[in-house]
Amino acid sequence: MKRSKFKLGFFILVLVVGVSLFIFKPWAKGDKPDLYRLQRATLGQLRMAVSATGTLNPVRLVNVGTQVSGTIRELRVDFNDQVKAGDLMVVLDDELFQAKVSVSKANVKTAEAQCRLAQIKYDRLVKLRKAGATAQEELDTAKANLDIAEAGLEQQMASLTQDLYNLNNTRIEAPIDGVVINRAVDVGQTVAASFQTPTLIDIAGDLTQMQINASFAEADIGRLKPGLLASFTVDAYPGQTFQGTLRQIRLNPTNTSNVVTYDVVVDVSNPDGRLLPGMTAYVDIELYKENNVLLVPNAALNYRPSRLSGQGRSDQGTLLAAQTAEGDYNPENSPTEGEVYVLGPKGEVRPVKVKLGATDLRSTVIVSGDLRPDDRVIIGENDQNEAERTLFSRPGGGGGQRRGGGPGPRF
């Protein structure tokens, strides 16, 4: 009798467990295994930009040199000094140049005296020739001597002008208004201008207006044009972003290890003088920006259900992304048609026709269509066997031994 009651109890227990497993299985409540990878459509900002590294430079930089050789006698400017055009900055020792000027002035006086003497001889012979008292040959010789004396005077005057010019160049003045950013010499130093003009001082123009010279890859140049907005950061001010405007794309390319880049000039306002020449700038040039737009991941545009395509893929999103990457996409053009698949609240899958806008290669703008924010769009499918394993590993899902333990209880 006790054995019969034990069998009956065991049978009832097995029946209860079986019914419980059946009732509480996920598909009994209408849920399906995790067959899809999902992501929600969101409202957000789409921004496309290209990036490069450049250097902050003055818009105008003048290297002040010397046209004559000599020893520096006076140095009247130093680093960071403000100068005005015409201010005296450097004075070279001018004793040798003064001596040359004195010699040239004496040579001019000698040439002038020779000219006067030649002129007197010529005038006398002209009168004698008219009276028939001298030969024509003597008159011609006198005229030639006069011409030679006049030419010699011109030559000596030219030498004097050159020596005066060299003497004046021993006093070096500022060519522009600006600030001294480099001084390469000191008092007592000898500078030689034999082969090339040595640089003594660098003067930067108005530092409230600066420029960035940034090297952009040739793949990005086709999408850049003057007038585009640029933002940049510098290491000196972490977390701060500065603004600028693209002014020029210089046509002279640079080829380094078969990588072609172009110098892009960005104008920068620097009213407080915080940005200094030579700082490294990390530049982003904005190509497109739109706020509060409906976005879906590009993977959703590529997805097609495997029962329809056999591959679960489409080229619509990839093609649009590729066009944008090549610079062919214009946000003002007619939107491209596309399709996404949405998972409904009851697990149903429905296609949604949409019109596509710009893309940043990760997300795409939905211009119109029956798609709403927070809709669950399908971006791919999970492996069916993996989904089933996930299902039966859930608490209460049954299936096998417990992780980390021994076999289940026996009856």
Protein backbone atom coordinates (compact mmCIF):
# COMPACT_ATOMS: atom_id res chain seq x y z
CA MET A 1 0.00 0.00 0.00
CA LYS A 2 2.81 2.39 0.90
CA ARG A 3 4.63 1.47 -2.32
CA SER A 4 1.46 2.24 -4.36
CA LYS A 5 1.13 5.64 -2.66
CA PHE A 6 4.79 6.38 -3.38
CA LYS A 7 4.36 5.58 -7.08
CA LEU A 8 1.22 7.72 -7.25
CA GLY A 9 3.00 10.64 -5.58
CA PHE A 10 5.98 10.29 -7.91
CA PHE A 11 3.66 10.22 -10.95
CA ILE A 12 1.83 13.35 -9.79
CA LEU A 13 5.14 15.16 -9.18
CA VAL A 14 6.45 14.31 -12.67
CA LEU A 15 3.14 15.43 -14.18
CA VAL A 16 3.24 18.77 -12.33
CA VAL A 17 6.84 19.41 -13.41
CA GLY A 18 6.05 18.59 -17.02
CA VAL A 19 2.97 20.82 -17.11
CA SER A 20 4.99 23.65 -15.48
CA LEU A 21 7.74 23.39 -18.06
CA PHE A 22 5.20 23.48 -20.86
CA ILE A 23 3.35 26.48 -19.43
CA PHE A 24 6.39 28.54 -18.65
CA LYS A 25 8.34 27.97 -21.86
CA PRO A 26 8.88 31.29 -23.65
CA TRP A 27 7.11 30.26 -26.82
CA ALA A 28 4.03 29.29 -24.85
CA LYS A 29 3.54 32.97 -24.12
CA GLY A 30 4.04 33.94 -27.74
CA ASP A 31 7.73 34.94 -27.45
CA LYS A 32 10.26 33.78 -30.05
CA PRO A 33 13.92 32.95 -29.70
CA ASP A 34 16.40 35.82 -30.13
CA LEU A 35 16.63 35.43 -33.88
CA TYR A 36 17.41 39.09 -34.68
CA ARG A 37 19.98 41.68 -33.78
CA LEU A 38 18.13 44.91 -33.17
CA GLN A 39 18.84 48.59 -32.82
CA ARG A 40 16.42 51.46 -32.31
CA ALA A 41 15.86 54.34 -34.70
CA THR A 42 16.85 57.53 -32.88
CA LEU A 43 16.62 61.28 -33.19
CA GLY A 44 20.05 62.86 -33.23
CA GLN A 45 22.67 64.81 -35.10
CA LEU A 46 24.45 63.74 -38.26
CA ARG A 47 27.79 65.39 -38.90
CA MET A 48 30.37 64.64 -41.56
CA ALA A 49 33.90 66.03 -41.33
CA VAL A 50 37.43 65.35 -42.49
CA SER A 51 40.39 65.64 -40.16
CA ALA A 52 44.06 66.53 -40.38
CA THR A 53 46.92 67.91 -38.31
CA GLY A 54 48.42 71.31 -38.98
CA THR A 55 50.48 74.14 -37.50
CA LEU A 56 49.39 77.60 -36.41
CA ASN A 57 51.30 80.33 -38.23
CA PRO A 58 51.12 84.11 -38.54
CA VAL A 59 49.27 85.25 -41.65
CA ARG A 60 52.28 87.44 -42.48
CA LEU A 61 55.82 86.58 -41.43
CA VAL A 62 58.83 88.66 -42.54
CA ASN A 63 62.41 87.44 -42.20
CA VAL A 64 64.50 90.57 -41.73
CA GLY A 65 68.06 90.22 -43.00
CA THR A 66 71.00 92.38 -44.01
CA GLN A 67 72.29 93.26 -47.46
CA VAL A 68 75.76 94.20 -46.21
CA SER A 69 78.33 92.43 -44.08
CA GLY A 70 79.56 93.79 -40.80
CA THR A 71 79.63 93.59 -37.03
CA ILE A 72 76.50 94.30 -35.02
CA ARG A 73 77.07 97.44 -32.95
CA GLU A 74 73.56 98.00 -31.58
CA LEU A 75 70.55 95.74 -31.14
CA ARG A 76 67.45 97.68 -30.19
CA VAL A 77 64.76 94.94 -30.14
CA ASP A 78 64.28 91.67 -28.30
CA PHE A 79 61.87 88.73 -28.33
CA ASN A 80 58.17 89.65 -28.18
CA ASP A 81 58.81 93.38 -28.72
CA GLN A 82 56.13 95.27 -30.62
CA VAL A 83 57.56 97.27 -33.54
CA LYS A 84 56.21 99.76 -36.05
CA ALA A 85 57.27 100.02 -39.68
CA GLY A 86 60.41 102.19 -39.82
CA ASP A 87 61.56 101.53 -36.26
CA LEU A 88 65.35 101.11 -36.01
CA MET A 89 66.16 97.57 -34.88
CA VAL A 90 69.81 96.81 -35.69
CA VAL A 91 72.85 99.02 -36.31
CA LEU A 92 75.99 97.61 -37.94
CA ASP A 93 79.47 99.08 -37.55
CA ASP A 94 79.62 101.67 -40.37
CA GLU A 95 83.21 102.99 -40.23
CA LEU A 96 84.31 101.06 -43.32
CA PHE A 97 81.22 102.20 -45.23
CA GLN A 98 81.80 105.81 -44.18
CA ALA A 99 85.35 105.57 -45.55
CA LYS A 100 84.09 104.20 -48.86
CA VAL A 101 81.63 107.06 -49.14
CA SER A 102 84.44 109.57 -48.52
CA VAL A 103 86.57 107.98 -51.26
CA SER A 104 83.63 108.01 -53.68
CA LYS A 105 82.94 111.67 -52.96
CA ALA A 106 86.62 112.53 -53.69
CA ASN A 107 86.47 110.53 -56.92
CA VAL A 108 83.38 112.47 -57.97
CA LYS A 109 85.15 115.79 -57.36
CA THR A 110 88.14 114.61 -59.43
CA ALA A 111 85.87 113.54 -62.25
CA GLU A 112 84.04 116.87 -62.14
CA ALA A 113 87.36 118.77 -62.41
CA GLN A 114 88.40 116.60 -65.37
CA CYS A 115 85.09 117.34 -67.04
CA ARG A 116 85.54 121.08 -66.57
CA LEU A 117 89.06 120.96 -67.98
CA ALA A 118 87.98 118.89 -70.97
CA GLN A 119 85.09 121.27 -71.58
CA ILE A 120 87.44 124.32 -71.54
CA LYS A 121 89.85 122.67 -74.03
CA TYR A 122 87.01 121.73 -76.31
CA ASP A 123 85.47 125.24 -76.26
CA ARG A 124 88.90 126.82 -77.06
CA LEU A 125 89.51 124.51 -80.02
CA VAL A 126 86.02 125.23 -81.37
CA LYS A 127 86.94 128.96 -81.60
CA LEU A 128 90.35 128.22 -83.12
CA ARG A 129 88.80 125.94 -85.69
CA LYS A 130 86.38 128.64 -86.74
CA ALA A 131 89.38 130.96 -87.24
CA GLY A 132 91.24 128.26 -89.18
CA ALA A 133 94.01 128.19 -86.65
CA THR A 134 93.78 124.47 -85.79
CA ALA A 135 93.14 121.17 -87.50
CA GLN A 136 89.83 119.35 -87.35
CA GLU A 137 91.61 116.33 -85.87
CA GLU A 138 92.56 118.26 -82.72
CA LEU A 139 88.96 119.40 -82.31
CA ASP A 140 87.69 115.80 -82.64
CA THR A 141 90.22 114.61 -80.05
CA ALA A 142 89.11 117.29 -77.62
CA LYS A 143 85.48 116.28 -78.09
CA ALA A 144 86.32 112.63 -77.38
CA ASN A 145 88.23 113.60 -74.22
CA LEU A 146 85.24 115.60 -73.05
CA ASP A 147 82.92 112.63 -73.59
CA ILE A 148 85.32 110.35 -71.70
CA ALA A 149 85.49 112.78 -68.78
CA GLU A 150 81.70 113.04 -68.60
CA ALA A 151 81.38 109.24 -68.64
CA GLY A 152 83.94 109.01 -65.86
CA LEU A 153 81.94 111.49 -63.81
CA GLU A 154 78.79 109.41 -64.24
CA GLN A 155 80.68 106.31 -63.17
CA GLN A 156 82.02 107.96 -60.02
CA MET A 157 78.58 109.30 -59.14
CA ALA A 158 77.15 105.79 -59.50
CA SER A 159 79.82 104.43 -57.16
CA LEU A 160 78.98 107.15 -54.66
CA THR A 161 75.29 106.25 -54.86
CA GLN A 162 76.12 102.58 -54.22
CA ASP A 163 78.34 103.40 -51.24
CA LEU A 164 75.68 105.67 -49.75
CA TYR A 165 73.14 102.88 -50.20
CA ASN A 166 75.41 100.39 -48.39
CA LEU A 167 76.01 102.90 -45.63
CA ASN A 168 72.27 103.35 -45.20
CA ASN A 169 71.84 99.55 -45.00
CA THR A 170 73.94 99.45 -41.84
CA ARG A 171 70.82 100.75 -40.12
CA ILE A 172 68.17 98.02 -40.33
CA GLU A 173 64.55 99.10 -39.81
CA ALA A 174 61.31 97.19 -39.29
CA PRO A 175 59.55 96.68 -42.64
CA ILE A 176 56.07 96.12 -41.13
CA ASP A 177 54.10 96.59 -37.94
CA GLY A 178 54.25 93.46 -35.83
CA VAL A 179 55.91 91.55 -33.03
CA VAL A 180 59.43 90.10 -32.90
CA ILE A 181 59.07 86.31 -32.64
CA ASN A 182 62.72 85.43 -33.25
CA ARG A 183 66.10 87.16 -32.82
CA ALA A 184 68.94 85.15 -34.32
CA VAL A 185 71.87 87.52 -33.55
CA ASP A 186 73.44 89.47 -30.70
CA VAL A 187 75.67 92.50 -30.23
CA GLY A 188 79.23 91.90 -31.42
CA GLN A 189 78.28 89.16 -33.85
CA THR A 190 79.56 89.42 -37.40
CA VAL A 191 77.11 88.81 -40.23
CA ALA A 192 78.23 88.03 -43.77
CA ALA A 193 76.02 88.69 -46.79
CA SER A 194 78.39 87.19 -49.35
CA PHE A 195 76.25 84.40 -50.77
CA GLN A 196 72.79 84.83 -49.26
CA THR A 197 71.02 87.29 -47.03
CA PRO A 198 71.30 86.09 -43.41
CA THR A 199 68.19 86.27 -41.25
CA LEU A 200 68.60 88.50 -38.23
CA ILE A 201 65.05 88.92 -36.91
CA ASP A 202 61.64 87.39 -37.68
CA ILE A 203 58.67 89.73 -37.43
CA ALA A 204 55.12 88.38 -37.36
CA GLY A 205 52.34 90.66 -38.47
CA ASP A 206 49.04 91.04 -36.62
CA LEU A 207 48.80 87.98 -34.36
CA THR A 208 45.12 88.60 -33.73
CA GLN A 209 44.61 86.99 -37.13
CA MET A 210 46.41 83.69 -37.72
CA GLN A 211 46.21 80.73 -40.05
CA ILE A 212 46.56 76.98 -39.86
CA ASN A 213 48.53 75.16 -42.53
CA ALA A 214 47.21 71.59 -42.49
CA SER A 215 48.07 68.67 -44.78
CA PHE A 216 44.97 66.88 -46.11
CA ALA A 217 45.06 63.63 -48.04
CA GLU A 218 44.18 63.76 -51.72
CA ALA A 219 41.13 61.54 -51.05
CA ASP A 220 39.59 64.37 -48.99
CA ILE A 221 40.53 67.33 -51.20
CA GLY A 222 37.64 66.78 -53.62
CA ARG A 223 35.13 67.47 -50.83
CA LEU A 224 36.77 70.67 -49.58
CA LYS A 225 36.13 74.18 -50.81
CA PRO A 226 36.78 77.72 -49.51
CA GLY A 227 34.23 78.94 -46.99
CA LEU A 228 33.71 75.67 -45.11
CA LEU A 229 33.69 75.91 -41.33
CA ALA A 230 36.54 74.31 -39.40
CA SER A 231 37.00 73.49 -35.73
CA PHE A 232 40.29 72.62 -34.08
CA THR A 233 41.93 71.91 -30.76
CA VAL A 234 45.44 72.49 -29.44
CA ASP A 235 47.34 70.67 -26.73
CA ALA A 236 47.80 73.87 -24.75
CA TYR A 237 44.08 74.13 -23.97
CA PRO A 238 42.63 70.63 -23.46
CA GLY A 239 38.88 70.36 -23.86
CA GLN A 240 38.53 73.70 -25.68
CA THR A 241 37.50 73.95 -29.31
CA PHE A 242 38.37 76.89 -31.56
CA GLN A 243 36.75 77.91 -34.83
CA GLY A 244 38.07 78.88 -38.24
CA THR A 245 37.20 79.13 -41.94
CA LEU A 246 38.83 77.36 -44.87
CA ARG A 247 40.43 80.05 -47.06
CA GLN A 248 42.62 78.28 -49.61
CA ILE A 249 43.59 74.90 -51.02
CA ARG A 250 47.12 75.30 -52.33
CA LEU A 251 47.80 73.58 -55.62
CA ASN A 252 51.34 72.46 -54.81
CA PRO A 253 51.16 68.79 -53.72
CA THR A 254 53.55 67.02 -51.37
CA ASN A 255 54.46 63.40 -52.09
CA THR A 256 55.84 61.48 -49.13
CA SER A 257 56.32 57.72 -49.60
CA ASN A 258 53.72 57.78 -52.41
CA VAL A 259 51.21 59.54 -50.13
CA VAL A 260 50.01 62.77 -51.74
CA THR A 261 48.81 65.61 -49.52
CA TYR A 262 47.82 69.23 -50.11
CA ASP A 263 48.33 72.28 -47.92
CA VAL A 264 44.97 73.65 -46.76
CA VAL A 265 44.91 77.12 -45.19
CA VAL A 266 42.37 77.85 -42.45
CA ASP A 267 41.87 81.43 -41.21
CA VAL A 268 41.67 81.76 -37.41
CA SER A 269 40.66 84.71 -35.26
CA ASN A 270 42.92 85.17 -32.22
CA PRO A 271 41.70 88.36 -30.48
CA ASP A 272 43.05 87.45 -27.04
CA GLY A 273 46.40 86.20 -28.30
CA ARG A 274 46.08 82.79 -26.67
CA LEU A 275 47.01 80.91 -29.81
CA LEU A 276 50.75 81.08 -30.45
CA PRO A 277 52.79 80.51 -33.62
CA GLY A 278 53.98 76.93 -33.97
CA MET A 279 51.20 75.27 -31.97
CA THR A 280 49.95 71.94 -33.33
CA ALA A 281 46.30 72.12 -34.39
CA TYR A 282 44.03 69.10 -34.79
CA VAL A 283 41.61 70.25 -37.47
CA ASP A 284 38.12 69.03 -38.38
CA ILE A 285 36.53 70.61 -41.44
CA GLU A 286 32.78 70.18 -41.40
CA LEU A 287 31.24 68.95 -44.65
CA TYR A 288 27.65 68.47 -43.51
CA LYS A 289 25.67 68.86 -40.31
CA GLU A 290 21.98 68.39 -39.47
CA ASN A 291 20.36 68.31 -36.05
CA ASN A 292 17.29 66.48 -34.71
CA VAL A 293 17.01 64.05 -37.61
CA LEU A 294 15.82 60.44 -37.59
CA LEU A 295 18.80 58.08 -37.85
CA VAL A 296 19.14 54.38 -38.49
CA PRO A 297 22.36 52.35 -38.58
CA ASN A 298 23.64 51.53 -42.04
CA ALA A 299 23.52 47.84 -41.14
CA ALA A 300 19.70 48.12 -41.12
CA LEU A 301 19.79 49.32 -44.73
CA ASN A 302 21.94 46.36 -45.71
CA TYR A 303 19.72 43.77 -44.02
CA ARG A 304 17.28 41.51 -45.88
CA PRO A 305 15.49 38.53 -44.27
CA SER A 306 17.19 35.26 -45.19
CA ARG A 307 13.87 33.80 -46.30
CA LEU A 308 13.67 36.49 -49.00
CA SER A 309 17.22 36.88 -50.20
CA GLY A 310 18.99 33.81 -48.93
CA GLN A 311 21.83 36.10 -47.84
CA GLY A 312 20.24 38.59 -45.47
CA ARG A 313 22.00 41.46 -47.33
CA SER A 314 21.27 44.32 -49.69
CA ASP A 315 23.53 46.90 -51.35
CA GLN A 316 21.35 49.98 -50.82
CA GLY A 317 23.07 51.22 -47.68
CA THR A 318 26.54 50.19 -48.83
CA LEU A 319 26.11 52.02 -52.13
CA LEU A 320 24.89 55.18 -50.41
CA ALA A 321 27.74 55.06 -47.92
CA ALA A 322 30.26 54.55 -50.71
CA GLN A 323 28.86 57.51 -52.64
CA THR A 324 29.17 59.70 -49.58
CA ALA A 325 32.71 58.51 -48.95
CA GLU A 326 33.63 59.41 -52.54
CA GLY A 327 32.12 62.85 -52.16
CA ASP A 328 29.35 62.20 -54.72
CA TYR A 329 26.47 62.62 -52.31
CA ASN A 330 24.92 66.08 -52.12
CA PRO A 331 22.38 66.55 -49.30
CA GLU A 332 20.39 68.85 -51.57
CA ASN A 333 19.85 66.13 -54.16
CA SER A 334 16.70 64.03 -54.30
CA PRO A 335 16.68 61.45 -51.46
CA THR A 336 17.48 57.83 -52.29
CA GLU A 337 14.78 55.20 -51.74
CA GLY A 338 15.49 52.36 -49.34
CA GLU A 339 13.91 49.77 -47.08
CA VAL A 340 14.36 48.66 -43.49
CA TYR A 341 12.77 45.84 -41.50
CA VAL A 342 11.14 46.57 -38.17
CA LEU A 343 10.33 44.09 -35.38
CA GLY A 344 6.86 44.73 -33.99
CA PRO A 345 5.69 44.38 -30.36
CA LYS A 346 4.40 40.85 -31.00
CA GLY A 347 7.56 39.69 -32.73
CA GLU A 348 6.26 40.28 -36.25
CA VAL A 349 8.66 41.49 -38.93
CA ARG A 350 7.44 44.14 -41.34
CA PRO A 351 9.25 46.00 -44.15
CA VAL A 352 9.19 49.80 -44.14
CA LYS A 353 9.87 51.90 -47.25
CA VAL A 354 11.93 55.00 -46.48
CA LYS A 355 13.74 57.80 -48.25
CA LEU A 356 17.38 58.16 -47.31
CA GLY A 357 19.35 61.32 -46.75
CA ALA A 358 22.99 61.88 -45.85
CA THR A 359 25.19 59.29 -44.19
CA ASP A 360 28.40 59.41 -42.16
CA LEU A 361 29.18 55.76 -43.00
CA ARG A 362 27.72 54.61 -39.67
CA SER A 363 24.21 56.08 -39.64
CA THR A 364 21.87 57.42 -42.32
CA VAL A 365 19.24 60.12 -42.17
CA ILE A 366 15.65 58.98 -42.81
CA VAL A 367 14.00 61.80 -44.75
CA SER A 368 10.52 60.28 -44.89
CA GLY A 369 8.67 57.00 -44.47
CA ASP A 370 6.63 55.06 -41.93
CA LEU A 371 9.42 54.85 -39.40
CA ARG A 372 9.29 56.42 -35.95
CA PRO A 373 11.82 57.09 -33.21
CA ASP A 374 12.44 54.05 -30.97
CA ASP A 375 11.22 51.60 -33.64
CA ARG A 376 13.29 48.42 -33.42
CA VAL A 377 15.04 47.99 -36.76
CA ILE A 378 16.71 44.71 -37.63
CA ILE A 379 20.43 44.92 -38.36
CA GLY A 380 21.09 41.18 -38.69
CA GLU A 381 20.13 37.66 -37.71
CA ASN A 382 21.52 35.42 -34.99
CA ASP A 383 22.33 31.79 -35.64
CA GLN A 384 19.20 29.64 -35.05
CA ASN A 385 21.06 27.02 -33.05
CA GLU A 386 22.62 29.71 -30.90
CA ALA A 387 19.17 31.19 -30.29
CA GLU A 388 17.85 27.81 -29.15
CA ARG A 389 20.81 27.31 -26.86
CA THR A 390 20.17 30.74 -25.40
CA LEU A 391 16.50 29.87 -24.92
CA PHE A 392 17.05 26.62 -23.05
CA SER A 393 19.78 28.08 -20.88
CA ARG A 394 17.31 30.55 -19.36
CA PRO A 395 16.11 29.88 -15.78
CA GLY A 396 13.09 27.64 -15.98
CA GLY A 397 13.87 26.82 -19.60
CA GLY A 398 14.93 23.29 -18.81
CA GLY A 399 17.65 21.41 -20.57
CA GLY A 400 20.61 19.54 -19.12
CA GLN A 401 22.69 20.04 -16.04
CA ARG A 402 23.11 23.16 -14.05
CA ARG A 403 26.33 25.10 -14.76
CA GLY A 404 29.00 24.35 -12.20
CA GLY A 405 26.97 21.57 -10.44
CA GLY A 406 26.31 17.89 -10.67
CA PRO A 407 23.37 16.07 -12.17
CA GLY A 408 19.85 17.13 -11.31
CA PRO A 409 17.90 15.59 -8.51
CA ARG A 410 16.66 12.04 -8.83
CA PHE A 411 13.29 10.69 -7.77
